[in-house]
Amino acid sequence: MSETAIEDMSFEEAMRELEQVVNALESGDVALEQSIALYERGAKLKQRCDTKLKEAEEKVALITQDATGAIKAEPTDRF
């Protein structure tokens, strides 16, 4: 598992670690307490992935096409 704080992870980092968590839980070779900790971390990683996807969707939504067909990106200071 990564030493990086979840809130600092990119989408790809969080997704990779989430896959590791799922694989560990599915293996059945994890003690109960560790399973609970992994499940909690997995839930946080899933939330991070959801947040990063939502941010990406919002950025894409800001890209528009004007009447001439030119593509433009609306400026934003949210990201």
PDB file of N, CA and C in Angstrom:
ATOM      1  N   MET A   1       0.837  -1.171   0.000  1.00  0.00           N
ATOM      2  CA  MET A   1       0.000   0.000   0.000  1.00  0.00           C
ATOM      3  C   MET A   1       0.889   1.244   0.000  1.00  0.00           C
ATOM      4  N   SER A   2       0.344   2.291  -0.544  1.00  0.00           N
ATOM      5  CA  SER A   2       1.094   3.524  -0.741  1.00  0.00           C
ATOM      6  C   SER A   2       1.251   4.310   0.555  1.00  0.00           C
ATOM      7  N   GLU A   3       2.342   5.034   0.633  1.00  0.00           N
ATOM      8  CA  GLU A   3       2.589   5.933   1.758  1.00  0.00           C
ATOM      9  C   GLU A   3       1.961   7.297   1.495  1.00  0.00           C
ATOM     10  N   THR A   4       1.530   7.548   0.255  1.00  0.00           N
ATOM     11  CA  THR A   4       0.948   8.825  -0.124  1.00  0.00           C
ATOM     12  C   THR A   4      -0.413   8.996   0.547  1.00  0.00           C
ATOM     13  N   ALA A   5      -0.652  10.195   1.074  1.00  0.00           N
ATOM     14  CA  ALA A   5      -1.960  10.488   1.649  1.00  0.00           C
ATOM     15  C   ALA A   5      -3.005  10.415   0.546  1.00  0.00           C
ATOM     16  N   ILE A   6      -4.146   9.842   0.850  1.00  0.00           N
ATOM     17  CA  ILE A   6      -5.186   9.649  -0.155  1.00  0.00           C
ATOM     18  C   ILE A   6      -5.569  10.965  -0.814  1.00  0.00           C
ATOM     19  N   GLU A   7      -5.680  12.026  -0.036  1.00  0.00           N
ATOM     20  CA  GLU A   7      -6.096  13.310  -0.604  1.00  0.00           C
ATOM     21  C   GLU A   7      -5.060  13.910  -1.554  1.00  0.00           C
ATOM     22  N   ASP A   8      -3.849  13.365  -1.557  1.00  0.00           N
ATOM     23  CA  ASP A   8      -2.796  13.829  -2.459  1.00  0.00           C
ATOM     24  C   ASP A   8      -2.632  12.927  -3.687  1.00  0.00           C
ATOM     25  N   MET A   9      -3.398  11.862  -3.743  1.00  0.00           N
ATOM     26  CA  MET A   9      -3.256  10.895  -4.839  1.00  0.00           C
ATOM     27  C   MET A   9      -3.935  11.376  -6.111  1.00  0.00           C
ATOM     28  N   SER A  10      -3.325  11.020  -7.225  1.00  0.00           N
ATOM     29  CA  SER A  10      -3.983  11.216  -8.522  1.00  0.00           C
ATOM     30  C   SER A  10      -5.053  10.138  -8.659  1.00  0.00           C
ATOM     31  N   PHE A  11      -5.883  10.285  -9.666  1.00  0.00           N
ATOM     32  CA  PHE A  11      -6.894   9.266  -9.930  1.00  0.00           C
ATOM     33  C   PHE A  11      -6.231   7.904 -10.138  1.00  0.00           C
ATOM     34  N   GLU A  12      -5.169   7.902 -10.954  1.00  0.00           N
ATOM     35  CA  GLU A  12      -4.507   6.643 -11.296  1.00  0.00           C
ATOM     36  C   GLU A  12      -3.890   5.975 -10.065  1.00  0.00           C
ATOM     37  N   GLU A  13      -3.279   6.761  -9.203  1.00  0.00           N
ATOM     38  CA  GLU A  13      -2.685   6.205  -7.980  1.00  0.00           C
ATOM     39  C   GLU A  13      -3.764   5.606  -7.085  1.00  0.00           C
ATOM     40  N   ALA A  14      -4.848   6.340  -6.895  1.00  0.00           N
ATOM     41  CA  ALA A  14      -5.933   5.859  -6.041  1.00  0.00           C
ATOM     42  C   ALA A  14      -6.570   4.601  -6.625  1.00  0.00           C
ATOM     43  N   MET A  15      -6.725   4.571  -7.937  1.00  0.00           N
ATOM     44  CA  MET A  15      -7.328   3.402  -8.583  1.00  0.00           C
ATOM     45  C   MET A  15      -6.433   2.169  -8.433  1.00  0.00           C
ATOM     46  N   ARG A  16      -5.131   2.356  -8.637  1.00  0.00           N
ATOM     47  CA  ARG A  16      -4.197   1.218  -8.478  1.00  0.00           C
ATOM     48  C   ARG A  16      -4.261   0.662  -7.062  1.00  0.00           C
ATOM     49  N   GLU A  17      -4.244   1.549  -6.078  1.00  0.00           N
ATOM     50  CA  GLU A  17      -4.278   1.064  -4.701  1.00  0.00           C
ATOM     51  C   GLU A  17      -5.625   0.443  -4.375  1.00  0.00           C
ATOM     52  N   LEU A  18      -6.696   1.002  -4.899  1.00  0.00           N
ATOM     53  CA  LEU A  18      -8.017   0.412  -4.673  1.00  0.00           C
ATOM     54  C   LEU A  18      -8.064  -1.009  -5.228  1.00  0.00           C
ATOM     55  N   GLU A  19      -7.470  -1.224  -6.385  1.00  0.00           N
ATOM     56  CA  GLU A  19      -7.402  -2.577  -6.956  1.00  0.00           C
ATOM     57  C   GLU A  19      -6.621  -3.516  -6.042  1.00  0.00           C
ATOM     58  N   GLN A  20      -5.546  -3.020  -5.444  1.00  0.00           N
ATOM     59  CA  GLN A  20      -4.767  -3.837  -4.509  1.00  0.00           C
ATOM     60  C   GLN A  20      -5.599  -4.196  -3.284  1.00  0.00           C
ATOM     61  N   VAL A  21      -6.365  -3.235  -2.778  1.00  0.00           N
ATOM     62  CA  VAL A  21      -7.219  -3.468  -1.614  1.00  0.00           C
ATOM     63  C   VAL A  21      -8.262  -4.530  -1.948  1.00  0.00           C
ATOM     64  N   VAL A  22      -8.904  -4.397  -3.082  1.00  0.00           N
ATOM     65  CA  VAL A  22      -9.932  -5.364  -3.493  1.00  0.00           C
ATOM     66  C   VAL A  22      -9.324  -6.759  -3.627  1.00  0.00           C
ATOM     67  N   ASN A  23      -8.164  -6.846  -4.262  1.00  0.00           N
ATOM     68  CA  ASN A  23      -7.510  -8.148  -4.418  1.00  0.00           C
ATOM     69  C   ASN A  23      -7.173  -8.769  -3.072  1.00  0.00           C
ATOM     70  N   ALA A  24      -6.683  -7.952  -2.147  1.00  0.00           N
ATOM     71  CA  ALA A  24      -6.342  -8.466  -0.813  1.00  0.00           C
ATOM     72  C   ALA A  24      -7.594  -8.970  -0.096  1.00  0.00           C
ATOM     73  N   LEU A  25      -8.674  -8.216  -0.183  1.00  0.00           N
ATOM     74  CA  LEU A  25      -9.909  -8.630   0.484  1.00  0.00           C
ATOM     75  C   LEU A  25     -10.503  -9.882  -0.164  1.00  0.00           C
ATOM     76  N   GLU A  26     -10.419  -9.961  -1.491  1.00  0.00           N
ATOM     77  CA  GLU A  26     -10.965 -11.126  -2.186  1.00  0.00           C
ATOM     78  C   GLU A  26     -10.155 -12.386  -1.943  1.00  0.00           C
ATOM     79  N   SER A  27      -8.880 -12.232  -1.606  1.00  0.00           N
ATOM     80  CA  SER A  27      -8.031 -13.404  -1.398  1.00  0.00           C
ATOM     81  C   SER A  27      -8.468 -14.209  -0.176  1.00  0.00           C
ATOM     82  N   GLY A  28      -9.059 -13.536   0.798  1.00  0.00           N
ATOM     83  CA  GLY A  28      -9.494 -14.226   2.009  1.00  0.00           C
ATOM     84  C   GLY A  28      -8.365 -14.557   2.960  1.00  0.00           C
ATOM     85  N   ASP A  29      -7.158 -14.108   2.658  1.00  0.00           N
ATOM     86  CA  ASP A  29      -5.996 -14.411   3.498  1.00  0.00           C
ATOM     87  C   ASP A  29      -5.662 -13.283   4.452  1.00  0.00           C
ATOM     88  N   VAL A  30      -6.646 -12.451   4.768  1.00  0.00           N
ATOM     89  CA  VAL A  30      -6.414 -11.284   5.615  1.00  0.00           C
ATOM     90  C   VAL A  30      -7.194 -11.449   6.911  1.00  0.00           C
ATOM     91  N   ALA A  31      -6.535 -11.150   8.021  1.00  0.00           N
ATOM     92  CA  ALA A  31      -7.190 -11.233   9.323  1.00  0.00           C
ATOM     93  C   ALA A  31      -8.347 -10.238   9.389  1.00  0.00           C
ATOM     94  N   LEU A  32      -9.286 -10.494  10.278  1.00  0.00           N
ATOM     95  CA  LEU A  32     -10.491  -9.682  10.385  1.00  0.00           C
ATOM     96  C   LEU A  32     -10.170  -8.205  10.602  1.00  0.00           C
ATOM     97  N   GLU A  33      -9.320  -7.889  11.556  1.00  0.00           N
ATOM     98  CA  GLU A  33      -8.995  -6.485  11.834  1.00  0.00           C
ATOM     99  C   GLU A  33      -8.350  -5.820  10.627  1.00  0.00           C
ATOM    100  N   GLN A  34      -7.470  -6.528   9.953  1.00  0.00           N
ATOM    101  CA  GLN A  34      -6.835  -5.978   8.766  1.00  0.00           C
ATOM    102  C   GLN A  34      -7.861  -5.821   7.644  1.00  0.00           C
ATOM    103  N   SER A  35      -8.794  -6.750   7.549  1.00  0.00           N
ATOM    104  CA  SER A  35      -9.854  -6.639   6.547  1.00  0.00           C
ATOM    105  C   SER A  35     -10.683  -5.383   6.766  1.00  0.00           C
ATOM    106  N   ILE A  36     -10.993  -5.098   8.006  1.00  0.00           N
ATOM    107  CA  ILE A  36     -11.771  -3.896   8.327  1.00  0.00           C
ATOM    108  C   ILE A  36     -10.983  -2.648   7.940  1.00  0.00           C
ATOM    109  N   ALA A  37      -9.699  -2.615   8.276  1.00  0.00           N
ATOM    110  CA  ALA A  37      -8.852  -1.470   7.932  1.00  0.00           C
ATOM    111  C   ALA A  37      -8.745  -1.312   6.413  1.00  0.00           C
ATOM    112  N   LEU A  38      -8.591  -2.426   5.707  1.00  0.00           N
ATOM    113  CA  LEU A  38      -8.520  -2.378   4.246  1.00  0.00           C
ATOM    114  C   LEU A  38      -9.836  -1.892   3.653  1.00  0.00           C
ATOM    115  N   TYR A  39     -10.941  -2.352   4.200  1.00  0.00           N
ATOM    116  CA  TYR A  39     -12.251  -1.929   3.702  1.00  0.00           C
ATOM    117  C   TYR A  39     -12.426  -0.424   3.882  1.00  0.00           C
ATOM    118  N   GLU A  40     -12.037   0.075   5.058  1.00  0.00           N
ATOM    119  CA  GLU A  40     -12.135   1.517   5.319  1.00  0.00           C
ATOM    120  C   GLU A  40     -11.253   2.309   4.355  1.00  0.00           C
ATOM    121  N   ARG A  41     -10.037   1.837   4.127  1.00  0.00           N
ATOM    122  CA  ARG A  41      -9.143   2.520   3.193  1.00  0.00           C
ATOM    123  C   ARG A  41      -9.713   2.450   1.775  1.00  0.00           C
ATOM    124  N   GLY A  42     -10.247   1.304   1.420  1.00  0.00           N
ATOM    125  CA  GLY A  42     -10.860   1.153   0.107  1.00  0.00           C
ATOM    126  C   GLY A  42     -12.005   2.131  -0.108  1.00  0.00           C
ATOM    127  N   ALA A  43     -12.815   2.345   0.923  1.00  0.00           N
ATOM    128  CA  ALA A  43     -13.927   3.292   0.819  1.00  0.00           C
ATOM    129  C   ALA A  43     -13.394   4.705   0.585  1.00  0.00           C
ATOM    130  N   LYS A  44     -12.321   5.055   1.264  1.00  0.00           N
ATOM    131  CA  LYS A  44     -11.715   6.380   1.087  1.00  0.00           C
ATOM    132  C   LYS A  44     -11.088   6.509  -0.300  1.00  0.00           C
ATOM    133  N   LEU A  45     -10.459   5.453  -0.774  1.00  0.00           N
ATOM    134  CA  LEU A  45      -9.877   5.471  -2.115  1.00  0.00           C
ATOM    135  C   LEU A  45     -10.963   5.607  -3.179  1.00  0.00           C
ATOM    136  N   LYS A  46     -12.070   4.909  -2.998  1.00  0.00           N
ATOM    137  CA  LYS A  46     -13.196   5.016  -3.931  1.00  0.00           C
ATOM    138  C   LYS A  46     -13.710   6.441  -3.962  1.00  0.00           C
ATOM    139  N   GLN A  47     -13.832   7.057  -2.803  1.00  0.00           N
ATOM    140  CA  GLN A  47     -14.297   8.443  -2.747  1.00  0.00           C
ATOM    141  C   GLN A  47     -13.326   9.368  -3.478  1.00  0.00           C
ATOM    142  N   ARG A  48     -12.018   9.123  -3.327  1.00  0.00           N
ATOM    143  CA  ARG A  48     -11.020   9.935  -4.025  1.00  0.00           C
ATOM    144  C   ARG A  48     -11.171   9.777  -5.538  1.00  0.00           C
ATOM    145  N   CYS A  49     -11.358   8.553  -6.003  1.00  0.00           N
ATOM    146  CA  CYS A  49     -11.563   8.323  -7.434  1.00  0.00           C
ATOM    147  C   CYS A  49     -12.815   9.038  -7.920  1.00  0.00           C
ATOM    148  N   ASP A  50     -13.897   8.951  -7.157  1.00  0.00           N
ATOM    149  CA  ASP A  50     -15.137   9.628  -7.526  1.00  0.00           C
ATOM    150  C   ASP A  50     -14.926  11.137  -7.619  1.00  0.00           C
ATOM    151  N   THR A  51     -14.201  11.703  -6.661  1.00  0.00           N
ATOM    152  CA  THR A  51     -13.932  13.139  -6.643  1.00  0.00           C
ATOM    153  C   THR A  51     -13.119  13.553  -7.859  1.00  0.00           C
ATOM    154  N   LYS A  52     -12.058  12.793  -8.160  1.00  0.00           N
ATOM    155  CA  LYS A  52     -11.208  13.135  -9.299  1.00  0.00           C
ATOM    156  C   LYS A  52     -11.979  12.996 -10.616  1.00  0.00           C
ATOM    157  N   LEU A  53     -12.841  11.998 -10.734  1.00  0.00           N
ATOM    158  CA  LEU A  53     -13.658  11.851 -11.941  1.00  0.00           C
ATOM    159  C   LEU A  53     -14.634  13.018 -12.093  1.00  0.00           C
ATOM    160  N   LYS A  54     -15.236  13.426 -10.993  1.00  0.00           N
ATOM    161  CA  LYS A  54     -16.168  14.558 -11.037  1.00  0.00           C
ATOM    162  C   LYS A  54     -15.429  15.825 -11.461  1.00  0.00           C
ATOM    163  N   GLU A  55     -14.228  16.040 -10.933  1.00  0.00           N
ATOM    164  CA  GLU A  55     -13.433  17.199 -11.328  1.00  0.00           C
ATOM    165  C   GLU A  55     -13.144  17.166 -12.834  1.00  0.00           C
ATOM    166  N   ALA A  56     -12.797  16.004 -13.339  1.00  0.00           N
ATOM    167  CA  ALA A  56     -12.504  15.870 -14.766  1.00  0.00           C
ATOM    168  C   ALA A  56     -13.744  16.139 -15.598  1.00  0.00           C
ATOM    169  N   GLU A  57     -14.890  15.620 -15.165  1.00  0.00           N
ATOM    170  CA  GLU A  57     -16.140  15.855 -15.885  1.00  0.00           C
ATOM    171  C   GLU A  57     -16.478  17.338 -15.922  1.00  0.00           C
ATOM    172  N   GLU A  58     -16.240  18.038 -14.817  1.00  0.00           N
ATOM    173  CA  GLU A  58     -16.511  19.473 -14.768  1.00  0.00           C
ATOM    174  C   GLU A  58     -15.584  20.235 -15.708  1.00  0.00           C
ATOM    175  N   LYS A  59     -14.334  19.821 -15.777  1.00  0.00           N
ATOM    176  CA  LYS A  59     -13.394  20.466 -16.699  1.00  0.00           C
ATOM    177  C   LYS A  59     -13.829  20.255 -18.142  1.00  0.00           C
ATOM    178  N   VAL A  60     -14.230  19.046 -18.470  1.00  0.00           N
ATOM    179  CA  VAL A  60     -14.674  18.744 -19.831  1.00  0.00           C
ATOM    180  C   VAL A  60     -15.941  19.536 -20.148  1.00  0.00           C
ATOM    181  N   ALA A  61     -16.817  19.674 -19.187  1.00  0.00           N
ATOM    182  CA  ALA A  61     -18.062  20.415 -19.402  1.00  0.00           C
ATOM    183  C   ALA A  61     -17.788  21.882 -19.714  1.00  0.00           C
ATOM    184  N   LEU A  62     -16.653  22.398 -19.278  1.00  0.00           N
ATOM    185  CA  LEU A  62     -16.311  23.794 -19.537  1.00  0.00           C
ATOM    186  C   LEU A  62     -15.787  24.013 -20.952  1.00  0.00           C
ATOM    187  N   ILE A  63     -15.487  22.926 -21.648  1.00  0.00           N
ATOM    188  CA  ILE A  63     -15.032  23.031 -23.028  1.00  0.00           C
ATOM    189  C   ILE A  63     -16.282  23.103 -23.903  1.00  0.00           C
ATOM    190  N   THR A  64     -16.401  24.183 -24.644  1.00  0.00           N
ATOM    191  CA  THR A  64     -17.619  24.394 -25.430  1.00  0.00           C
ATOM    192  C   THR A  64     -17.275  24.684 -26.885  1.00  0.00           C
ATOM    193  N   GLN A  65     -18.285  24.638 -27.704  1.00  0.00           N
ATOM    194  CA  GLN A  65     -18.131  24.947 -29.116  1.00  0.00           C
ATOM    195  C   GLN A  65     -18.967  26.190 -29.404  1.00  0.00           C
ATOM    196  N   ASP A  66     -18.346  27.214 -30.010  1.00  0.00           N
ATOM    197  CA  ASP A  66     -19.098  28.432 -30.303  1.00  0.00           C
ATOM    198  C   ASP A  66     -19.842  28.298 -31.638  1.00  0.00           C
ATOM    199  N   ALA A  67     -20.529  29.346 -32.047  1.00  0.00           N
ATOM    200  CA  ALA A  67     -21.372  29.317 -33.244  1.00  0.00           C
ATOM    201  C   ALA A  67     -20.589  29.009 -34.517  1.00  0.00           C
ATOM    202  N   THR A  68     -19.309  29.347 -34.546  1.00  0.00           N
ATOM    203  CA  THR A  68     -18.489  29.077 -35.735  1.00  0.00           C
ATOM    204  C   THR A  68     -17.902  27.679 -35.718  1.00  0.00           C
ATOM    205  N   GLY A  69     -18.133  26.959 -34.643  1.00  0.00           N
ATOM    206  CA  GLY A  69     -17.595  25.608 -34.527  1.00  0.00           C
ATOM    207  C   GLY A  69     -16.253  25.538 -33.832  1.00  0.00           C
ATOM    208  N   ALA A  70     -15.743  26.696 -33.432  1.00  0.00           N
ATOM    209  CA  ALA A  70     -14.448  26.720 -32.740  1.00  0.00           C
ATOM    210  C   ALA A  70     -14.609  26.187 -31.320  1.00  0.00           C
ATOM    211  N   ILE A  71     -13.655  25.401 -30.923  1.00  0.00           N
ATOM    212  CA  ILE A  71     -13.655  24.858 -29.570  1.00  0.00           C
ATOM    213  C   ILE A  71     -12.966  25.859 -28.658  1.00  0.00           C
ATOM    214  N   LYS A  72     -13.580  26.108 -27.512  1.00  0.00           N
ATOM    215  CA  LYS A  72     -12.958  27.005 -26.544  1.00  0.00           C
ATOM    216  C   LYS A  72     -13.160  26.440 -25.157  1.00  0.00           C
ATOM    217  N   ALA A  73     -12.275  26.773 -24.289  1.00  0.00           N
ATOM    218  CA  ALA A  73     -12.374  26.348 -22.902  1.00  0.00           C
ATOM    219  C   ALA A  73     -12.738  27.556 -22.073  1.00  0.00           C
ATOM    220  N   GLU A  74     -13.769  27.404 -21.267  1.00  0.00           N
ATOM    221  CA  GLU A  74     -14.166  28.486 -20.385  1.00  0.00           C
ATOM    222  C   GLU A  74     -13.131  28.604 -19.264  1.00  0.00           C
ATOM    223  N   PRO A  75     -12.691  29.809 -18.954  1.00  0.00           N
ATOM    224  CA  PRO A  75     -11.729  29.946 -17.853  1.00  0.00           C
ATOM    225  C   PRO A  75     -12.390  29.617 -16.523  1.00  0.00           C
ATOM    226  N   THR A  76     -11.623  29.019 -15.678  1.00  0.00           N
ATOM    227  CA  THR A  76     -12.116  28.705 -14.353  1.00  0.00           C
ATOM    228  C   THR A  76     -10.964  28.770 -13.370  1.00  0.00           C
ATOM    229  N   ASP A  77     -11.244  29.199 -12.197  1.00  0.00           N
ATOM    230  CA  ASP A  77     -10.221  29.224 -11.159  1.00  0.00           C
ATOM    231  C   ASP A  77     -10.505  28.185 -10.083  1.00  0.00           C
ATOM    232  N   ARG A  78     -11.470  27.308 -10.377  1.00  0.00           N
ATOM    233  CA  ARG A  78     -11.823  26.259  -9.419  1.00  0.00           C
ATOM    234  C   ARG A  78     -10.803  25.151  -9.364  1.00  0.00           C
ATOM    235  N   PHE A  79      -9.995  24.973 -10.418  1.00  0.00           N
ATOM    236  CA  PHE A  79      -9.106  23.829 -10.489  1.00  0.00           C
ATOM    237  C   PHE A  79      -7.680  24.259 -10.437  1.00  0.00           C
TER     238      PHE A  79
END
